[in-house]
Amino acid sequence: MAVLAHILVVDDDKRLRDLIARYLSEQGFRVTVATDAAEARAKLKSIAFDLIVLDIMMPGESGLDLTRSLRSDSSVPILLLTAMSEVQDRIAGLEVGADDYLAKPFEPKELVLRINAILKRAQPRAAMPAATAGTIKFGAFAFELERRRLYKAGDIVHLTEGESDLLLVLARRAGQPVSRDELATRAGPAEGEDAPLENGEGNVIEVGASRLIDVQMTRLRRKIEDDPRFPRYLQTVRGIGYVLRPD
C-alpha cells in the first residue's frame, strides 16, 4: 500500500487554509494545518512532512523568513503562496530556498499539479543508478537526465524545479555555452508563472527572466561548487551565458 504524502498547509487566512486542506485531502493527501510560522515550527518538531504549502504574507514571522530559516538545516520541499506576483517577489522566494511559487488567486488543480511535480523530484531512491548515456558526471556529482536527479557520491541532492530545469538544459549541451536568453526560454518560470509579466513591455519581461536565471545559477553553484565564486563546473561564458563543463 502506497504511503500518502503528508503536507503542512500554513496560512493565516482560515477560509483559504480550510479550502486548501479540504481539496488536498480529497486528492488523497494527508494534511495538517497551521495558522502561522510559530505553530508550523511546533508541528515540524514532531512530524516529518513531505512538503509545506506556505503563505508569504503572515503576521509575525513571514513565509519568506520561515523558508530562509528552515533551509539552514532542512531540505523539506516548500511551495510558496502569495498575492504578490511581481518578478522581485518571485526572486525573493527563490533566493531564500523555495521550490516553487504560486500566485493567488490560483486554480486548485494547478496547486495539486505543482505539488505532485515537486514530490516526484524530491522522492529519494535507495542508490544511484549505474552510469548510462543519460547520466552526466562531474566531480563527485552525477546528474540523471531522464529523472532530473542530481547525486553526490550516491546521495541525492535536493534541487528545486528551477534548479533542475537549468541543470537539465546545461547537461544536455555539456561543454557547449548556452545563452542566457535560451536558458530563460527553456528553463525559465514554470507555466503560468509568467502571466503577470505580459502586461509590461517586452524588454521588462526579458530582464526579469534573465534575472531569475541568474538567481537559479547562484543557488545551483552553492550546491555543487566548492567555491561558488570560482566555479569549476558551472562556468560563466562572458557575453554569452553559462556552460556545464563535465570531467
C-alpha atoms as a PDB file:
ATOM      1  CA  MET A   1       0.000   0.000   0.000  1.00  0.00           C
ATOM      2  CA  ALA A   2       1.404   3.383  -1.016  1.00  0.00           C
ATOM      3  CA  VAL A   3       2.249   5.859   1.727  1.00  0.00           C
ATOM      4  CA  LEU A   4       0.277   9.081   1.368  1.00  0.00           C
ATOM      5  CA  ALA A   5       2.300  12.281   1.182  1.00  0.00           C
ATOM      6  CA  HIS A   6       1.846  14.397   4.312  1.00  0.00           C
ATOM      7  CA  ILE A   7       1.514  18.113   3.596  1.00  0.00           C
ATOM      8  CA  LEU A   8       1.659  21.023   6.041  1.00  0.00           C
ATOM      9  CA  VAL A   9      -0.509  23.983   4.985  1.00  0.00           C
ATOM     10  CA  VAL A  10       0.471  27.265   6.678  1.00  0.00           C
ATOM     11  CA  ASP A  11      -1.786  30.279   6.115  1.00  0.00           C
ATOM     12  CA  ASP A  12      -3.335  32.841   8.469  1.00  0.00           C
ATOM     13  CA  ASP A  13      -6.436  33.088   6.260  1.00  0.00           C
ATOM     14  CA  LYS A  14      -8.759  30.482   7.795  1.00  0.00           C
ATOM     15  CA  ARG A  15     -11.091  30.329   4.797  1.00  0.00           C
ATOM     16  CA  LEU A  16      -8.299  29.705   2.310  1.00  0.00           C
ATOM     17  CA  ARG A  17      -6.460  27.380   4.690  1.00  0.00           C
ATOM     18  CA  ASP A  18      -9.538  25.220   5.152  1.00  0.00           C
ATOM     19  CA  LEU A  19     -10.303  25.204   1.417  1.00  0.00           C
ATOM     20  CA  ILE A  20      -6.781  24.065   0.557  1.00  0.00           C
ATOM     21  CA  ALA A  21      -6.788  21.428   3.289  1.00  0.00           C
ATOM     22  CA  ARG A  22     -10.139  20.042   2.172  1.00  0.00           C
ATOM     23  CA  TYR A  23      -9.194  19.953  -1.501  1.00  0.00           C
ATOM     24  CA  LEU A  24      -5.833  18.291  -0.876  1.00  0.00           C
ATOM     25  CA  SER A  25      -7.491  15.727   1.375  1.00  0.00           C
ATOM     26  CA  GLU A  26      -9.958  14.947  -1.403  1.00  0.00           C
ATOM     27  CA  GLN A  27      -6.990  14.384  -3.718  1.00  0.00           C
ATOM     28  CA  GLY A  28      -5.573  11.741  -1.389  1.00  0.00           C
ATOM     29  CA  PHE A  29      -3.023  13.699   0.632  1.00  0.00           C
ATOM     30  CA  ARG A  30      -2.632  13.659   4.397  1.00  0.00           C
ATOM     31  CA  VAL A  31      -2.966  17.272   5.539  1.00  0.00           C
ATOM     32  CA  THR A  32      -2.019  19.179   8.696  1.00  0.00           C
ATOM     33  CA  VAL A  33      -2.678  22.912   9.039  1.00  0.00           C
ATOM     34  CA  ALA A  34      -1.015  25.759  10.932  1.00  0.00           C
ATOM     35  CA  THR A  35      -2.162  29.348  11.342  1.00  0.00           C
ATOM     36  CA  ASP A  36       1.288  30.959  11.441  1.00  0.00           C
ATOM     37  CA  ALA A  37       5.030  30.306  11.450  1.00  0.00           C
ATOM     38  CA  ALA A  38       5.174  29.657  15.199  1.00  0.00           C
ATOM     39  CA  GLU A  39       2.554  26.904  15.010  1.00  0.00           C
ATOM     40  CA  ALA A  40       4.263  25.496  11.919  1.00  0.00           C
ATOM     41  CA  ARG A  41       7.582  25.281  13.773  1.00  0.00           C
ATOM     42  CA  ALA A  42       5.943  23.446  16.645  1.00  0.00           C
ATOM     43  CA  LYS A  43       4.447  20.844  14.304  1.00  0.00           C
ATOM     44  CA  LEU A  44       7.662  20.451  12.340  1.00  0.00           C
ATOM     45  CA  LYS A  45       9.411  19.387  15.546  1.00  0.00           C
ATOM     46  CA  SER A  46       7.238  16.304  15.889  1.00  0.00           C
ATOM     47  CA  ILE A  47       6.159  15.457  12.334  1.00  0.00           C
ATOM     48  CA  ALA A  48       8.255  14.782   9.222  1.00  0.00           C
ATOM     49  CA  PHE A  49       6.265  16.397   6.425  1.00  0.00           C
ATOM     50  CA  ASP A  50       6.763  15.628   2.745  1.00  0.00           C
ATOM     51  CA  LEU A  51       6.019  19.200   1.634  1.00  0.00           C
ATOM     52  CA  ILE A  52       4.999  22.590   3.030  1.00  0.00           C
ATOM     53  CA  VAL A  53       2.471  24.888   1.353  1.00  0.00           C
ATOM     54  CA  LEU A  54       3.366  28.235   2.875  1.00  0.00           C
ATOM     55  CA  ASP A  55       1.791  31.675   2.621  1.00  0.00           C
ATOM     56  CA  ILE A  56       4.280  34.546   2.415  1.00  0.00           C
ATOM     57  CA  MET A  57       2.230  37.356   3.972  1.00  0.00           C
ATOM     58  CA  MET A  58       1.514  36.348   7.568  1.00  0.00           C
ATOM     59  CA  PRO A  59       1.560  38.310  10.827  1.00  0.00           C
ATOM     60  CA  GLY A  60       4.747  37.880  12.815  1.00  0.00           C
ATOM     61  CA  GLU A  61       7.334  35.768  11.022  1.00  0.00           C
ATOM     62  CA  SER A  62       6.695  35.865   7.274  1.00  0.00           C
ATOM     63  CA  GLY A  63       6.748  32.888   4.958  1.00  0.00           C
ATOM     64  CA  LEU A  64       9.998  34.140   3.425  1.00  0.00           C
ATOM     65  CA  ASP A  65      11.647  34.336   6.851  1.00  0.00           C
ATOM     66  CA  LEU A  66      10.425  30.870   7.789  1.00  0.00           C
ATOM     67  CA  THR A  67      11.679  29.443   4.487  1.00  0.00           C
ATOM     68  CA  ARG A  68      15.100  31.031   4.977  1.00  0.00           C
ATOM     69  CA  SER A  69      15.303  29.640   8.491  1.00  0.00           C
ATOM     70  CA  LEU A  70      14.219  26.123   7.507  1.00  0.00           C
ATOM     71  CA  ARG A  71      16.745  25.981   4.690  1.00  0.00           C
ATOM     72  CA  SER A  72      19.598  26.251   7.207  1.00  0.00           C
ATOM     73  CA  ASP A  73      19.010  22.657   8.322  1.00  0.00           C
ATOM     74  CA  SER A  74      16.169  21.152   6.266  1.00  0.00           C
ATOM     75  CA  SER A  75      15.527  20.217   2.637  1.00  0.00           C
ATOM     76  CA  VAL A  76      11.763  19.734   3.010  1.00  0.00           C
ATOM     77  CA  PRO A  77      10.155  20.975  -0.239  1.00  0.00           C
ATOM     78  CA  ILE A  78       8.383  24.332   0.093  1.00  0.00           C
ATOM     79  CA  LEU A  79       5.717  25.786  -2.204  1.00  0.00           C
ATOM     80  CA  LEU A  80       5.088  29.474  -1.514  1.00  0.00           C
ATOM     81  CA  LEU A  81       1.652  31.070  -1.885  1.00  0.00           C
ATOM     82  CA  THR A  82       1.268  34.809  -2.155  1.00  0.00           C
ATOM     83  CA  ALA A  83      -0.921  37.553  -3.545  1.00  0.00           C
ATOM     84  CA  MET A  84       2.231  39.250  -4.808  1.00  0.00           C
ATOM     85  CA  SER A  85       3.142  38.476  -8.410  1.00  0.00           C
ATOM     86  CA  GLU A  86       5.956  40.852  -9.372  1.00  0.00           C
ATOM     87  CA  VAL A  87       9.303  39.490 -10.582  1.00  0.00           C
ATOM     88  CA  GLN A  88      11.173  40.722  -7.496  1.00  0.00           C
ATOM     89  CA  ASP A  89       8.751  38.881  -5.210  1.00  0.00           C
ATOM     90  CA  ARG A  90       9.309  35.661  -7.132  1.00  0.00           C
ATOM     91  CA  ILE A  91      13.061  36.185  -6.992  1.00  0.00           C
ATOM     92  CA  ALA A  92      12.907  36.734  -3.239  1.00  0.00           C
ATOM     93  CA  GLY A  93      11.140  33.399  -2.786  1.00  0.00           C
ATOM     94  CA  LEU A  94      13.685  31.559  -4.913  1.00  0.00           C
ATOM     95  CA  GLU A  95      16.624  33.208  -3.196  1.00  0.00           C
ATOM     96  CA  VAL A  96      15.584  32.019   0.250  1.00  0.00           C
ATOM     97  CA  GLY A  97      15.180  28.432  -0.976  1.00  0.00           C
ATOM     98  CA  ALA A  98      11.575  27.865  -2.059  1.00  0.00           C
ATOM     99  CA  ASP A  99      10.983  25.049  -4.553  1.00  0.00           C
ATOM    100  CA  ASP A 100       8.134  26.727  -6.386  1.00  0.00           C
ATOM    101  CA  TYR A 101       5.914  29.788  -6.290  1.00  0.00           C
ATOM    102  CA  LEU A 102       2.179  30.115  -6.914  1.00  0.00           C
ATOM    103  CA  ALA A 103       0.435  33.485  -7.008  1.00  0.00           C
ATOM    104  CA  LYS A 104      -3.084  33.961  -5.662  1.00  0.00           C
ATOM    105  CA  PRO A 105      -5.718  33.511  -6.899  1.00  0.00           C
ATOM    106  CA  PHE A 106      -4.945  30.087  -8.313  1.00  0.00           C
ATOM    107  CA  GLU A 107      -6.803  27.041  -9.558  1.00  0.00           C
ATOM    108  CA  PRO A 108      -6.790  24.174  -7.018  1.00  0.00           C
ATOM    109  CA  LYS A 109      -5.896  21.764  -9.817  1.00  0.00           C
ATOM    110  CA  GLU A 110      -2.744  23.754 -10.577  1.00  0.00           C
ATOM    111  CA  LEU A 111      -1.756  23.612  -6.908  1.00  0.00           C
ATOM    112  CA  VAL A 112      -2.041  19.820  -6.961  1.00  0.00           C
ATOM    113  CA  LEU A 113      -0.068  19.555 -10.211  1.00  0.00           C
ATOM    114  CA  ARG A 114       2.740  21.632  -8.766  1.00  0.00           C
ATOM    115  CA  ILE A 115       2.751  19.645  -5.527  1.00  0.00           C
ATOM    116  CA  ASN A 116       2.921  16.351  -7.418  1.00  0.00           C
ATOM    117  CA  ALA A 117       5.771  17.647  -9.585  1.00  0.00           C
ATOM    118  CA  ILE A 118       7.768  18.739  -6.535  1.00  0.00           C
ATOM    119  CA  LEU A 119       7.153  15.456  -4.702  1.00  0.00           C
ATOM    120  CA  LYS A 120       8.216  13.453  -7.740  1.00  0.00           C
ATOM    121  CA  ARG A 121      11.536  15.287  -7.945  1.00  0.00           C
ATOM    122  CA  ALA A 122      12.126  15.071  -4.209  1.00  0.00           C
ATOM    123  CA  GLN A 123      11.476  11.328  -3.934  1.00  0.00           C
ATOM    124  CA  PRO A 124      14.729   9.637  -2.817  1.00  0.00           C
ATOM    125  CA  ARG A 125      15.948   6.358  -4.180  1.00  0.00           C
ATOM    126  CA  ALA A 126      17.972   3.655  -2.449  1.00  0.00           C
ATOM    127  CA  ALA A 127      21.001   4.021  -4.666  1.00  0.00           C
ATOM    128  CA  MET A 128      22.250   5.898  -7.676  1.00  0.00           C
ATOM    129  CA  PRO A 129      21.757   4.027 -10.927  1.00  0.00           C
ATOM    130  CA  ALA A 130      24.705   2.791 -12.913  1.00  0.00           C
ATOM    131  CA  ALA A 131      26.220   5.336 -15.284  1.00  0.00           C
ATOM    132  CA  THR A 132      24.456   5.430 -18.641  1.00  0.00           C
ATOM    133  CA  ALA A 133      24.344   7.687 -21.679  1.00  0.00           C
ATOM    134  CA  GLY A 134      21.652   9.575 -19.805  1.00  0.00           C
ATOM    135  CA  THR A 135      23.910  10.436 -16.873  1.00  0.00           C
ATOM    136  CA  ILE A 136      26.370  13.338 -16.835  1.00  0.00           C
ATOM    137  CA  LYS A 137      29.239  13.108 -14.333  1.00  0.00           C
ATOM    138  CA  PHE A 138      31.280  15.978 -12.943  1.00  0.00           C
ATOM    139  CA  GLY A 139      33.468  15.638  -9.866  1.00  0.00           C
ATOM    140  CA  ALA A 140      31.590  13.765  -7.128  1.00  0.00           C
ATOM    141  CA  PHE A 141      28.301  14.529  -8.873  1.00  0.00           C
ATOM    142  CA  ALA A 142      26.152  12.629 -11.347  1.00  0.00           C
ATOM    143  CA  PHE A 143      23.052  14.087 -12.959  1.00  0.00           C
ATOM    144  CA  GLU A 144      20.455  11.683 -14.345  1.00  0.00           C
ATOM    145  CA  LEU A 145      18.821  13.494 -17.264  1.00  0.00           C
ATOM    146  CA  GLU A 146      15.646  11.448 -17.630  1.00  0.00           C
ATOM    147  CA  ARG A 147      14.662  11.741 -13.974  1.00  0.00           C
ATOM    148  CA  ARG A 148      16.320  15.151 -13.483  1.00  0.00           C
ATOM    149  CA  ARG A 149      18.030  13.943 -10.301  1.00  0.00           C
ATOM    150  CA  LEU A 150      21.402  15.028  -9.002  1.00  0.00           C
ATOM    151  CA  TYR A 151      23.547  12.759  -6.841  1.00  0.00           C
ATOM    152  CA  LYS A 152      26.690  13.440  -4.863  1.00  0.00           C
ATOM    153  CA  ALA A 153      28.695  10.330  -4.003  1.00  0.00           C
ATOM    154  CA  GLY A 154      25.489   8.301  -4.403  1.00  0.00           C
ATOM    155  CA  ASP A 155      23.310  10.531  -2.196  1.00  0.00           C
ATOM    156  CA  ILE A 156      20.511  12.545  -3.766  1.00  0.00           C
ATOM    157  CA  VAL A 157      20.927  16.336  -3.739  1.00  0.00           C
ATOM    158  CA  HIS A 158      17.721  18.312  -3.314  1.00  0.00           C
ATOM    159  CA  LEU A 159      17.029  20.588  -6.278  1.00  0.00           C
ATOM    160  CA  THR A 160      14.168  22.997  -6.789  1.00  0.00           C
ATOM    161  CA  GLU A 161      12.234  22.853 -10.063  1.00  0.00           C
ATOM    162  CA  GLY A 162      14.073  25.879 -11.429  1.00  0.00           C
ATOM    163  CA  GLU A 163      17.463  24.447 -10.492  1.00  0.00           C
ATOM    164  CA  SER A 164      16.747  21.068 -12.065  1.00  0.00           C
ATOM    165  CA  ASP A 165      15.397  22.731 -15.231  1.00  0.00           C
ATOM    166  CA  LEU A 166      18.541  24.848 -15.526  1.00  0.00           C
ATOM    167  CA  LEU A 167      20.904  21.927 -14.919  1.00  0.00           C
ATOM    168  CA  LEU A 168      18.993  19.774 -17.422  1.00  0.00           C
ATOM    169  CA  VAL A 169      19.424  22.301 -20.233  1.00  0.00           C
ATOM    170  CA  LEU A 170      23.130  22.693 -19.480  1.00  0.00           C
ATOM    171  CA  ALA A 171      23.676  18.937 -19.099  1.00  0.00           C
ATOM    172  CA  ARG A 172      22.091  18.224 -22.483  1.00  0.00           C
ATOM    173  CA  ARG A 173      24.573  20.659 -24.006  1.00  0.00           C
ATOM    174  CA  ALA A 174      27.510  19.758 -21.732  1.00  0.00           C
ATOM    175  CA  GLY A 175      30.685  21.520 -22.832  1.00  0.00           C
ATOM    176  CA  GLN A 176      28.768  23.974 -25.023  1.00  0.00           C
ATOM    177  CA  PRO A 177      27.909  27.522 -23.908  1.00  0.00           C
ATOM    178  CA  VAL A 178      24.180  28.218 -23.653  1.00  0.00           C
ATOM    179  CA  SER A 179      22.966  31.787 -23.911  1.00  0.00           C
ATOM    180  CA  ARG A 180      21.051  33.402 -21.071  1.00  0.00           C
ATOM    181  CA  ASP A 181      18.168  34.081 -23.481  1.00  0.00           C
ATOM    182  CA  GLU A 182      17.918  30.395 -24.364  1.00  0.00           C
ATOM    183  CA  LEU A 183      18.127  29.391 -20.714  1.00  0.00           C
ATOM    184  CA  ALA A 184      15.385  31.876 -19.874  1.00  0.00           C
ATOM    185  CA  THR A 185      13.220  30.273 -22.563  1.00  0.00           C
ATOM    186  CA  ARG A 186      13.961  26.627 -21.784  1.00  0.00           C
ATOM    187  CA  ALA A 187      14.484  26.832 -18.014  1.00  0.00           C
ATOM    188  CA  GLY A 188      12.537  29.942 -17.080  1.00  0.00           C
ATOM    189  CA  PRO A 189       9.459  30.276 -14.807  1.00  0.00           C
ATOM    190  CA  ALA A 190       7.022  27.384 -14.751  1.00  0.00           C
ATOM    191  CA  GLU A 191       3.956  27.534 -16.961  1.00  0.00           C
ATOM    192  CA  GLY A 192       1.545  30.134 -15.662  1.00  0.00           C
ATOM    193  CA  GLU A 193       4.112  31.998 -13.572  1.00  0.00           C
ATOM    194  CA  ASP A 194       4.994  34.494 -16.265  1.00  0.00           C
ATOM    195  CA  ALA A 195       1.399  35.653 -16.812  1.00  0.00           C
ATOM    196  CA  PRO A 196       1.706  38.780 -14.608  1.00  0.00           C
ATOM    197  CA  LEU A 197       4.551  40.000 -16.838  1.00  0.00           C
ATOM    198  CA  GLU A 198       2.560  40.001 -20.051  1.00  0.00           C
ATOM    199  CA  ASN A 199       1.185  43.463 -19.394  1.00  0.00           C
ATOM    200  CA  GLY A 200       4.652  45.007 -19.372  1.00  0.00           C
ATOM    201  CA  GLU A 201       6.971  45.907 -22.225  1.00  0.00           C
ATOM    202  CA  GLY A 202       8.940  43.159 -23.931  1.00  0.00           C
ATOM    203  CA  ASN A 203      12.272  44.283 -22.528  1.00  0.00           C
ATOM    204  CA  VAL A 204      10.914  44.160 -18.994  1.00  0.00           C
ATOM    205  CA  ILE A 205       9.904  40.522 -19.449  1.00  0.00           C
ATOM    206  CA  GLU A 206      13.327  39.639 -20.813  1.00  0.00           C
ATOM    207  CA  VAL A 207      15.236  41.308 -17.993  1.00  0.00           C
ATOM    208  CA  GLY A 208      13.027  39.630 -15.391  1.00  0.00           C
ATOM    209  CA  ALA A 209      13.511  36.168 -16.892  1.00  0.00           C
ATOM    210  CA  SER A 210      17.257  36.653 -17.166  1.00  0.00           C
ATOM    211  CA  ARG A 211      17.438  37.754 -13.566  1.00  0.00           C
ATOM    212  CA  LEU A 212      15.577  34.609 -12.481  1.00  0.00           C
ATOM    213  CA  ILE A 213      18.141  32.502 -14.356  1.00  0.00           C
ATOM    214  CA  ASP A 214      20.959  34.278 -12.523  1.00  0.00           C
ATOM    215  CA  VAL A 215      19.282  33.552  -9.183  1.00  0.00           C
ATOM    216  CA  GLN A 216      18.890  29.866 -10.052  1.00  0.00           C
ATOM    217  CA  MET A 217      22.523  29.650 -11.148  1.00  0.00           C
ATOM    218  CA  THR A 218      23.748  31.239  -7.924  1.00  0.00           C
ATOM    219  CA  ARG A 219      21.783  28.726  -5.848  1.00  0.00           C
ATOM    220  CA  LEU A 220      22.853  25.792  -8.021  1.00  0.00           C
ATOM    221  CA  ARG A 221      26.517  26.729  -7.674  1.00  0.00           C
ATOM    222  CA  ARG A 222      26.166  26.792  -3.893  1.00  0.00           C
ATOM    223  CA  LYS A 223      25.064  23.154  -4.013  1.00  0.00           C
ATOM    224  CA  ILE A 224      27.725  21.993  -6.467  1.00  0.00           C
ATOM    225  CA  GLU A 225      30.835  24.146  -6.364  1.00  0.00           C
ATOM    226  CA  ASP A 226      33.468  24.041  -3.596  1.00  0.00           C
ATOM    227  CA  ASP A 227      33.857  27.804  -4.085  1.00  0.00           C
ATOM    228  CA  PRO A 228      30.862  29.346  -5.928  1.00  0.00           C
ATOM    229  CA  ARG A 229      32.926  32.498  -6.578  1.00  0.00           C
ATOM    230  CA  PHE A 230      35.320  30.462  -8.723  1.00  0.00           C
ATOM    231  CA  PRO A 231      33.146  27.735 -10.272  1.00  0.00           C
ATOM    232  CA  ARG A 232      34.813  24.693 -11.792  1.00  0.00           C
ATOM    233  CA  TYR A 233      31.802  23.058 -13.411  1.00  0.00           C
ATOM    234  CA  LEU A 234      29.096  25.719 -13.823  1.00  0.00           C
ATOM    235  CA  GLN A 235      31.093  28.405 -15.556  1.00  0.00           C
ATOM    236  CA  THR A 236      30.099  31.816 -16.881  1.00  0.00           C
ATOM    237  CA  VAL A 237      30.888  32.468 -20.545  1.00  0.00           C
ATOM    238  CA  ARG A 238      31.336  36.205 -20.795  1.00  0.00           C
ATOM    239  CA  GLY A 239      28.960  37.857 -23.224  1.00  0.00           C
ATOM    240  CA  ILE A 240      27.061  34.610 -23.846  1.00  0.00           C
ATOM    241  CA  GLY A 241      25.711  32.780 -20.808  1.00  0.00           C
ATOM    242  CA  TYR A 242      26.694  29.624 -18.932  1.00  0.00           C
ATOM    243  CA  VAL A 243      28.279  26.238 -19.625  1.00  0.00           C
ATOM    244  CA  LEU A 244      28.490  22.946 -17.731  1.00  0.00           C
ATOM    245  CA  ARG A 245      31.996  21.509 -18.006  1.00  0.00           C
ATOM    246  CA  PRO A 246      31.957  17.828 -17.029  1.00  0.00           C
ATOM    247  CA  ASP A 247      35.102  15.835 -16.239  1.00  0.00           C
END
